[in-house]
Amino acid sequence: MTKTSWDLPEADDDVAAERRNVTRLLRWISMFVAWPSLTIALAFLVFTGPSDHWLHIFGLLPLGIAALVLFAMAPRLARRLVKG
């Protein structure tokens, strides 16, 4: 088999696999935080209104949004964390 210019050496394959693993981990953790935060906050907002649980709503919504941002930025953060 001949090597072409886009074939990566063995070490780069290991770095790419590690970056994929870190990306998956970051996304899994972010969804573990985002899903309950957003569903609980939206349930409070819809079923009880903002007057009863405003502290919970306005505490959980930014946490859920921050976790969604982490989900979106996971590949970039994995590139930064795993140097190769």
PDB file of N, CA and C in Angstrom:
ATOM      1  N   MET A   1       0.838  -1.179   0.000  1.00  0.00           N
ATOM      2  CA  MET A   1       0.000   0.000   0.000  1.00  0.00           C
ATOM      3  C   MET A   1       0.881   1.241   0.000  1.00  0.00           C
ATOM      4  N   THR A   2       0.621   2.141  -0.902  1.00  0.00           N
ATOM      5  CA  THR A   2       1.437   3.346  -0.979  1.00  0.00           C
ATOM      6  C   THR A   2       0.841   4.428  -0.101  1.00  0.00           C
ATOM      7  N   LYS A   3       1.725   5.218   0.453  1.00  0.00           N
ATOM      8  CA  LYS A   3       1.299   6.330   1.305  1.00  0.00           C
ATOM      9  C   LYS A   3       1.015   7.537   0.429  1.00  0.00           C
ATOM     10  N   THR A   4      -0.071   8.191   0.705  1.00  0.00           N
ATOM     11  CA  THR A   4      -0.389   9.437   0.012  1.00  0.00           C
ATOM     12  C   THR A   4      -0.199  10.596   0.978  1.00  0.00           C
ATOM     13  N   SER A   5      -0.325  11.788   0.482  1.00  0.00           N
ATOM     14  CA  SER A   5      -0.037  12.966   1.300  1.00  0.00           C
ATOM     15  C   SER A   5      -1.051  13.149   2.420  1.00  0.00           C
ATOM     16  N   TRP A   6      -2.239  12.574   2.287  1.00  0.00           N
ATOM     17  CA  TRP A   6      -3.238  12.778   3.337  1.00  0.00           C
ATOM     18  C   TRP A   6      -3.275  11.633   4.349  1.00  0.00           C
ATOM     19  N   ASP A   7      -2.449  10.601   4.142  1.00  0.00           N
ATOM     20  CA  ASP A   7      -2.368   9.532   5.132  1.00  0.00           C
ATOM     21  C   ASP A   7      -1.633  10.044   6.373  1.00  0.00           C
ATOM     22  N   LEU A   8      -2.227   9.773   7.519  1.00  0.00           N
ATOM     23  CA  LEU A   8      -1.635  10.234   8.763  1.00  0.00           C
ATOM     24  C   LEU A   8      -0.725   9.159   9.335  1.00  0.00           C
ATOM     25  N   PRO A   9       0.352   9.563   9.983  1.00  0.00           N
ATOM     26  CA  PRO A   9       1.184   8.568  10.653  1.00  0.00           C
ATOM     27  C   PRO A   9       0.450   7.956  11.841  1.00  0.00           C
ATOM     28  N   GLU A  10       1.019   6.925  12.385  1.00  0.00           N
ATOM     29  CA  GLU A  10       0.395   6.180  13.488  1.00  0.00           C
ATOM     30  C   GLU A  10       0.121   7.087  14.694  1.00  0.00           C
ATOM     31  N   ALA A  11       1.045   7.964  15.023  1.00  0.00           N
ATOM     32  CA  ALA A  11       0.876   8.835  16.191  1.00  0.00           C
ATOM     33  C   ALA A  11      -0.316   9.776  16.006  1.00  0.00           C
ATOM     34  N   ASP A  12      -0.509  10.278  14.803  1.00  0.00           N
ATOM     35  CA  ASP A  12      -1.628  11.179  14.555  1.00  0.00           C
ATOM     36  C   ASP A  12      -2.959  10.455  14.686  1.00  0.00           C
ATOM     37  N   ASP A  13      -2.998   9.180  14.340  1.00  0.00           N
ATOM     38  CA  ASP A  13      -4.219   8.402  14.517  1.00  0.00           C
ATOM     39  C   ASP A  13      -4.562   8.263  15.999  1.00  0.00           C
ATOM     40  N   ASP A  14      -3.526   8.078  16.823  1.00  0.00           N
ATOM     41  CA  ASP A  14      -3.755   7.981  18.263  1.00  0.00           C
ATOM     42  C   ASP A  14      -4.252   9.311  18.823  1.00  0.00           C
ATOM     43  N   VAL A  15      -3.701  10.407  18.354  1.00  0.00           N
ATOM     44  CA  VAL A  15      -4.134  11.730  18.820  1.00  0.00           C
ATOM     45  C   VAL A  15      -5.564  11.999  18.370  1.00  0.00           C
ATOM     46  N   ALA A  16      -5.889  11.630  17.147  1.00  0.00           N
ATOM     47  CA  ALA A  16      -7.252  11.835  16.654  1.00  0.00           C
ATOM     48  C   ALA A  16      -8.251  10.991  17.443  1.00  0.00           C
ATOM     49  N   ALA A  17      -7.875   9.772  17.765  1.00  0.00           N
ATOM     50  CA  ALA A  17      -8.759   8.917  18.567  1.00  0.00           C
ATOM     51  C   ALA A  17      -8.937   9.492  19.966  1.00  0.00           C
ATOM     52  N   GLU A  18      -7.867  10.000  20.539  1.00  0.00           N
ATOM     53  CA  GLU A  18      -7.965  10.606  21.870  1.00  0.00           C
ATOM     54  C   GLU A  18      -8.842  11.855  21.840  1.00  0.00           C
ATOM     55  N   ARG A  19      -8.720  12.652  20.786  1.00  0.00           N
ATOM     56  CA  ARG A  19      -9.579  13.840  20.661  1.00  0.00           C
ATOM     57  C   ARG A  19     -11.047  13.450  20.520  1.00  0.00           C
ATOM     58  N   ARG A  20     -11.308  12.399  19.764  1.00  0.00           N
ATOM     59  CA  ARG A  20     -12.697  11.924  19.650  1.00  0.00           C
ATOM     60  C   ARG A  20     -13.226  11.457  20.995  1.00  0.00           C
ATOM     61  N   ASN A  21     -12.399  10.761  21.749  1.00  0.00           N
ATOM     62  CA  ASN A  21     -12.819  10.297  23.065  1.00  0.00           C
ATOM     63  C   ASN A  21     -13.083  11.456  24.014  1.00  0.00           C
ATOM     64  N   VAL A  22     -12.228  12.459  23.993  1.00  0.00           N
ATOM     65  CA  VAL A  22     -12.422  13.633  24.850  1.00  0.00           C
ATOM     66  C   VAL A  22     -13.672  14.392  24.416  1.00  0.00           C
ATOM     67  N   THR A  23     -13.903  14.499  23.118  1.00  0.00           N
ATOM     68  CA  THR A  23     -15.110  15.161  22.624  1.00  0.00           C
ATOM     69  C   THR A  23     -16.352  14.428  23.092  1.00  0.00           C
ATOM     70  N   ARG A  24     -16.350  13.112  22.990  1.00  0.00           N
ATOM     71  CA  ARG A  24     -17.498  12.324  23.458  1.00  0.00           C
ATOM     72  C   ARG A  24     -17.721  12.501  24.956  1.00  0.00           C
ATOM     73  N   LEU A  25     -16.644  12.495  25.719  1.00  0.00           N
ATOM     74  CA  LEU A  25     -16.766  12.670  27.165  1.00  0.00           C
ATOM     75  C   LEU A  25     -17.341  14.034  27.516  1.00  0.00           C
ATOM     76  N   LEU A  26     -16.822  15.085  26.893  1.00  0.00           N
ATOM     77  CA  LEU A  26     -17.331  16.431  27.158  1.00  0.00           C
ATOM     78  C   LEU A  26     -18.800  16.552  26.772  1.00  0.00           C
ATOM     79  N   ARG A  27     -19.160  15.984  25.641  1.00  0.00           N
ATOM     80  CA  ARG A  27     -20.564  16.060  25.224  1.00  0.00           C
ATOM     81  C   ARG A  27     -21.471  15.250  26.132  1.00  0.00           C
ATOM     82  N   TRP A  28     -21.020  14.102  26.592  1.00  0.00           N
ATOM     83  CA  TRP A  28     -21.832  13.286  27.488  1.00  0.00           C
ATOM     84  C   TRP A  28     -22.048  14.014  28.809  1.00  0.00           C
ATOM     85  N   ILE A  29     -20.979  14.575  29.368  1.00  0.00           N
ATOM     86  CA  ILE A  29     -21.095  15.310  30.631  1.00  0.00           C
ATOM     87  C   ILE A  29     -21.989  16.531  30.463  1.00  0.00           C
ATOM     88  N   SER A  30     -21.845  17.237  29.356  1.00  0.00           N
ATOM     89  CA  SER A  30     -22.662  18.436  29.153  1.00  0.00           C
ATOM     90  C   SER A  30     -24.140  18.088  29.023  1.00  0.00           C
ATOM     91  N   MET A  31     -24.457  17.007  28.353  1.00  0.00           N
ATOM     92  CA  MET A  31     -25.870  16.624  28.251  1.00  0.00           C
ATOM     93  C   MET A  31     -26.389  16.068  29.573  1.00  0.00           C
ATOM     94  N   PHE A  32     -25.529  15.463  30.372  1.00  0.00           N
ATOM     95  CA  PHE A  32     -25.907  15.007  31.694  1.00  0.00           C
ATOM     96  C   PHE A  32     -26.330  16.182  32.576  1.00  0.00           C
ATOM     97  N   VAL A  33     -25.741  17.350  32.352  1.00  0.00           N
ATOM     98  CA  VAL A  33     -26.095  18.555  33.102  1.00  0.00           C
ATOM     99  C   VAL A  33     -27.226  19.315  32.415  1.00  0.00           C
ATOM    100  N   ALA A  34     -27.165  19.434  31.098  1.00  0.00           N
ATOM    101  CA  ALA A  34     -28.115  20.289  30.369  1.00  0.00           C
ATOM    102  C   ALA A  34     -29.533  19.731  30.381  1.00  0.00           C
ATOM    103  N   TRP A  35     -29.694  18.454  30.135  1.00  0.00           N
ATOM    104  CA  TRP A  35     -31.036  17.889  30.005  1.00  0.00           C
ATOM    105  C   TRP A  35     -31.863  18.075  31.279  1.00  0.00           C
ATOM    106  N   PRO A  36     -31.381  17.662  32.453  1.00  0.00           N
ATOM    107  CA  PRO A  36     -32.194  17.873  33.653  1.00  0.00           C
ATOM    108  C   PRO A  36     -32.375  19.355  33.987  1.00  0.00           C
ATOM    109  N   SER A  37     -31.330  20.145  33.802  1.00  0.00           N
ATOM    110  CA  SER A  37     -31.436  21.571  34.134  1.00  0.00           C
ATOM    111  C   SER A  37     -32.512  22.250  33.317  1.00  0.00           C
ATOM    112  N   LEU A  38     -32.487  22.021  32.030  1.00  0.00           N
ATOM    113  CA  LEU A  38     -33.453  22.693  31.160  1.00  0.00           C
ATOM    114  C   LEU A  38     -34.861  22.135  31.341  1.00  0.00           C
ATOM    115  N   THR A  39     -35.000  20.838  31.503  1.00  0.00           N
ATOM    116  CA  THR A  39     -36.352  20.280  31.656  1.00  0.00           C
ATOM    117  C   THR A  39     -36.973  20.697  32.980  1.00  0.00           C
ATOM    118  N   ILE A  40     -36.207  20.715  34.052  1.00  0.00           N
ATOM    119  CA  ILE A  40     -36.753  21.136  35.343  1.00  0.00           C
ATOM    120  C   ILE A  40     -37.107  22.616  35.320  1.00  0.00           C
ATOM    121  N   ALA A  41     -36.219  23.440  34.763  1.00  0.00           N
ATOM    122  CA  ALA A  41     -36.494  24.878  34.709  1.00  0.00           C
ATOM    123  C   ALA A  41     -37.719  25.170  33.849  1.00  0.00           C
ATOM    124  N   LEU A  42     -37.816  24.533  32.708  1.00  0.00           N
ATOM    125  CA  LEU A  42     -38.975  24.769  31.844  1.00  0.00           C
ATOM    126  C   LEU A  42     -40.260  24.208  32.450  1.00  0.00           C
ATOM    127  N   ALA A  43     -40.162  23.098  33.175  1.00  0.00           N
ATOM    128  CA  ALA A  43     -41.348  22.564  33.846  1.00  0.00           C
ATOM    129  C   ALA A  43     -41.833  23.519  34.929  1.00  0.00           C
ATOM    130  N   PHE A  44     -40.920  24.075  35.712  1.00  0.00           N
ATOM    131  CA  PHE A  44     -41.317  25.086  36.698  1.00  0.00           C
ATOM    132  C   PHE A  44     -41.969  26.280  36.018  1.00  0.00           C
ATOM    133  N   LEU A  45     -41.391  26.713  34.922  1.00  0.00           N
ATOM    134  CA  LEU A  45     -41.904  27.887  34.220  1.00  0.00           C
ATOM    135  C   LEU A  45     -43.295  27.628  33.651  1.00  0.00           C
ATOM    136  N   VAL A  46     -43.504  26.470  33.068  1.00  0.00           N
ATOM    137  CA  VAL A  46     -44.780  26.172  32.418  1.00  0.00           C
ATOM    138  C   VAL A  46     -45.873  25.842  33.432  1.00  0.00           C
ATOM    139  N   PHE A  47     -45.567  25.008  34.414  1.00  0.00           N
ATOM    140  CA  PHE A  47     -46.617  24.490  35.289  1.00  0.00           C
ATOM    141  C   PHE A  47     -46.895  25.357  36.510  1.00  0.00           C
ATOM    142  N   THR A  48     -45.918  26.069  37.012  1.00  0.00           N
ATOM    143  CA  THR A  48     -46.165  26.881  38.205  1.00  0.00           C
ATOM    144  C   THR A  48     -46.056  28.367  37.938  1.00  0.00           C
ATOM    145  N   GLY A  49     -45.483  28.732  36.818  1.00  0.00           N
ATOM    146  CA  GLY A  49     -45.298  30.151  36.531  1.00  0.00           C
ATOM    147  C   GLY A  49     -44.026  30.666  37.171  1.00  0.00           C
ATOM    148  N   PRO A  50     -43.566  31.805  36.719  1.00  0.00           N
ATOM    149  CA  PRO A  50     -42.290  32.320  37.218  1.00  0.00           C
ATOM    150  C   PRO A  50     -42.362  32.866  38.641  1.00  0.00           C
ATOM    151  N   SER A  51     -43.544  33.087  39.181  1.00  0.00           N
ATOM    152  CA  SER A  51     -43.619  33.718  40.500  1.00  0.00           C
ATOM    153  C   SER A  51     -43.253  32.761  41.634  1.00  0.00           C
ATOM    154  N   ASP A  52     -43.602  31.483  41.524  1.00  0.00           N
ATOM    155  CA  ASP A  52     -43.357  30.548  42.623  1.00  0.00           C
ATOM    156  C   ASP A  52     -41.911  30.079  42.720  1.00  0.00           C
ATOM    157  N   HIS A  53     -41.321  29.748  41.618  1.00  0.00           N
ATOM    158  CA  HIS A  53     -39.980  29.155  41.611  1.00  0.00           C
ATOM    159  C   HIS A  53     -39.018  29.976  40.760  1.00  0.00           C
ATOM    160  N   TRP A  54     -39.046  31.260  40.882  1.00  0.00           N
ATOM    161  CA  TRP A  54     -38.216  32.107  40.021  1.00  0.00           C
ATOM    162  C   TRP A  54     -36.729  31.874  40.259  1.00  0.00           C
ATOM    163  N   LEU A  55     -36.351  31.606  41.510  1.00  0.00           N
ATOM    164  CA  LEU A  55     -34.935  31.381  41.794  1.00  0.00           C
ATOM    165  C   LEU A  55     -34.445  30.088  41.130  1.00  0.00           C
ATOM    166  N   HIS A  56     -35.266  29.056  41.159  1.00  0.00           N
ATOM    167  CA  HIS A  56     -34.894  27.805  40.498  1.00  0.00           C
ATOM    168  C   HIS A  56     -34.824  27.991  38.981  1.00  0.00           C
ATOM    169  N   ILE A  57     -35.821  28.690  38.441  1.00  0.00           N
ATOM    170  CA  ILE A  57     -35.866  28.884  36.986  1.00  0.00           C
ATOM    171  C   ILE A  57     -34.650  29.658  36.502  1.00  0.00           C
ATOM    172  N   PHE A  58     -34.378  30.792  37.151  1.00  0.00           N
ATOM    173  CA  PHE A  58     -33.281  31.635  36.686  1.00  0.00           C
ATOM    174  C   PHE A  58     -31.913  31.132  37.125  1.00  0.00           C
ATOM    175  N   GLY A  59     -31.879  30.101  37.951  1.00  0.00           N
ATOM    176  CA  GLY A  59     -30.624  29.441  38.266  1.00  0.00           C
ATOM    177  C   GLY A  59     -30.327  28.279  37.339  1.00  0.00           C
ATOM    178  N   LEU A  60     -31.380  27.550  36.968  1.00  0.00           N
ATOM    179  CA  LEU A  60     -31.178  26.360  36.140  1.00  0.00           C
ATOM    180  C   LEU A  60     -31.074  26.677  34.648  1.00  0.00           C
ATOM    181  N   LEU A  61     -31.762  27.705  34.190  1.00  0.00           N
ATOM    182  CA  LEU A  61     -31.684  28.030  32.757  1.00  0.00           C
ATOM    183  C   LEU A  61     -30.270  28.413  32.313  1.00  0.00           C
ATOM    184  N   PRO A  62     -29.574  29.310  33.015  1.00  0.00           N
ATOM    185  CA  PRO A  62     -28.190  29.601  32.582  1.00  0.00           C
ATOM    186  C   PRO A  62     -27.258  28.392  32.682  1.00  0.00           C
ATOM    187  N   LEU A  63     -27.480  27.551  33.689  1.00  0.00           N
ATOM    188  CA  LEU A  63     -26.668  26.339  33.803  1.00  0.00           C
ATOM    189  C   LEU A  63     -26.894  25.425  32.606  1.00  0.00           C
ATOM    190  N   GLY A  64     -28.139  25.251  32.202  1.00  0.00           N
ATOM    191  CA  GLY A  64     -28.443  24.425  31.041  1.00  0.00           C
ATOM    192  C   GLY A  64     -27.907  25.013  29.748  1.00  0.00           C
ATOM    193  N   ILE A  65     -28.016  26.319  29.615  1.00  0.00           N
ATOM    194  CA  ILE A  65     -27.502  26.984  28.412  1.00  0.00           C
ATOM    195  C   ILE A  65     -25.981  26.876  28.350  1.00  0.00           C
ATOM    196  N   ALA A  66     -25.323  27.043  29.498  1.00  0.00           N
ATOM    197  CA  ALA A  66     -23.859  26.889  29.524  1.00  0.00           C
ATOM    198  C   ALA A  66     -23.453  25.466  29.150  1.00  0.00           C
ATOM    199  N   ALA A  67     -24.218  24.485  29.583  1.00  0.00           N
ATOM    200  CA  ALA A  67     -23.912  23.092  29.220  1.00  0.00           C
ATOM    201  C   ALA A  67     -24.116  22.861  27.729  1.00  0.00           C
ATOM    202  N   LEU A  68     -25.127  23.503  27.141  1.00  0.00           N
ATOM    203  CA  LEU A  68     -25.316  23.385  25.690  1.00  0.00           C
ATOM    204  C   LEU A  68     -24.173  24.044  24.916  1.00  0.00           C
ATOM    205  N   VAL A  69     -23.661  25.145  25.442  1.00  0.00           N
ATOM    206  CA  VAL A  69     -22.502  25.792  24.810  1.00  0.00           C
ATOM    207  C   VAL A  69     -21.292  24.863  24.883  1.00  0.00           C
ATOM    208  N   LEU A  70     -21.115  24.205  26.020  1.00  0.00           N
ATOM    209  CA  LEU A  70     -20.024  23.228  26.132  1.00  0.00           C
ATOM    210  C   LEU A  70     -20.202  22.096  25.131  1.00  0.00           C
ATOM    211  N   PHE A  71     -21.439  21.644  24.923  1.00  0.00           N
ATOM    212  CA  PHE A  71     -21.706  20.600  23.937  1.00  0.00           C
ATOM    213  C   PHE A  71     -21.266  21.052  22.550  1.00  0.00           C
ATOM    214  N   ALA A  72     -21.584  22.292  22.207  1.00  0.00           N
ATOM    215  CA  ALA A  72     -21.228  22.805  20.883  1.00  0.00           C
ATOM    216  C   ALA A  72     -19.732  23.032  20.737  1.00  0.00           C
ATOM    217  N   MET A  73     -19.059  23.402  21.810  1.00  0.00           N
ATOM    218  CA  MET A  73     -17.627  23.711  21.743  1.00  0.00           C
ATOM    219  C   MET A  73     -16.734  22.515  22.057  1.00  0.00           C
ATOM    220  N   ALA A  74     -17.303  21.344  22.252  1.00  0.00           N
ATOM    221  CA  ALA A  74     -16.521  20.174  22.657  1.00  0.00           C
ATOM    222  C   ALA A  74     -15.376  19.832  21.698  1.00  0.00           C
ATOM    223  N   PRO A  75     -15.587  19.842  20.377  1.00  0.00           N
ATOM    224  CA  PRO A  75     -14.438  19.528  19.503  1.00  0.00           C
ATOM    225  C   PRO A  75     -13.302  20.545  19.614  1.00  0.00           C
ATOM    226  N   ARG A  76     -13.640  21.803  19.743  1.00  0.00           N
ATOM    227  CA  ARG A  76     -12.605  22.836  19.879  1.00  0.00           C
ATOM    228  C   ARG A  76     -11.860  22.684  21.198  1.00  0.00           C
ATOM    229  N   LEU A  77     -12.595  22.403  22.269  1.00  0.00           N
ATOM    230  CA  LEU A  77     -11.944  22.199  23.561  1.00  0.00           C
ATOM    231  C   LEU A  77     -11.100  20.929  23.562  1.00  0.00           C
ATOM    232  N   ALA A  78     -11.551  19.900  22.885  1.00  0.00           N
ATOM    233  CA  ALA A  78     -10.749  18.666  22.798  1.00  0.00           C
ATOM    234  C   ALA A  78      -9.450  18.919  22.053  1.00  0.00           C
ATOM    235  N   ARG A  79      -9.494  19.733  20.989  1.00  0.00           N
ATOM    236  CA  ARG A  79      -8.254  20.081  20.277  1.00  0.00           C
ATOM    237  C   ARG A  79      -7.297  20.819  21.191  1.00  0.00           C
ATOM    238  N   ARG A  80      -7.857  21.681  22.038  1.00  0.00           N
ATOM    239  CA  ARG A  80      -7.009  22.458  22.942  1.00  0.00           C
ATOM    240  C   ARG A  80      -6.445  21.589  24.066  1.00  0.00           C
ATOM    241  N   LEU A  81      -7.244  20.647  24.560  1.00  0.00           N
ATOM    242  CA  LEU A  81      -6.815  19.820  25.682  1.00  0.00           C
ATOM    243  C   LEU A  81      -5.858  18.705  25.276  1.00  0.00           C
ATOM    244  N   VAL A  82      -6.068  18.139  24.085  1.00  0.00           N
ATOM    245  CA  VAL A  82      -5.226  17.038  23.614  1.00  0.00           C
ATOM    246  C   VAL A  82      -4.278  17.592  22.566  1.00  0.00           C
ATOM    247  N   LYS A  83      -3.071  17.792  22.987  1.00  0.00           N
ATOM    248  CA  LYS A  83      -2.067  18.337  22.060  1.00  0.00           C
ATOM    249  C   LYS A  83      -1.346  17.186  21.385  1.00  0.00           C
ATOM    250  N   GLY A  84      -1.092  17.351  20.117  1.00  0.00           N
ATOM    251  CA  GLY A  84      -0.462  16.243  19.409  1.00  0.00           C
ATOM    252  C   GLY A  84       0.540  16.629  18.483  1.00  0.00           C
TER     253      GLY A  84
END
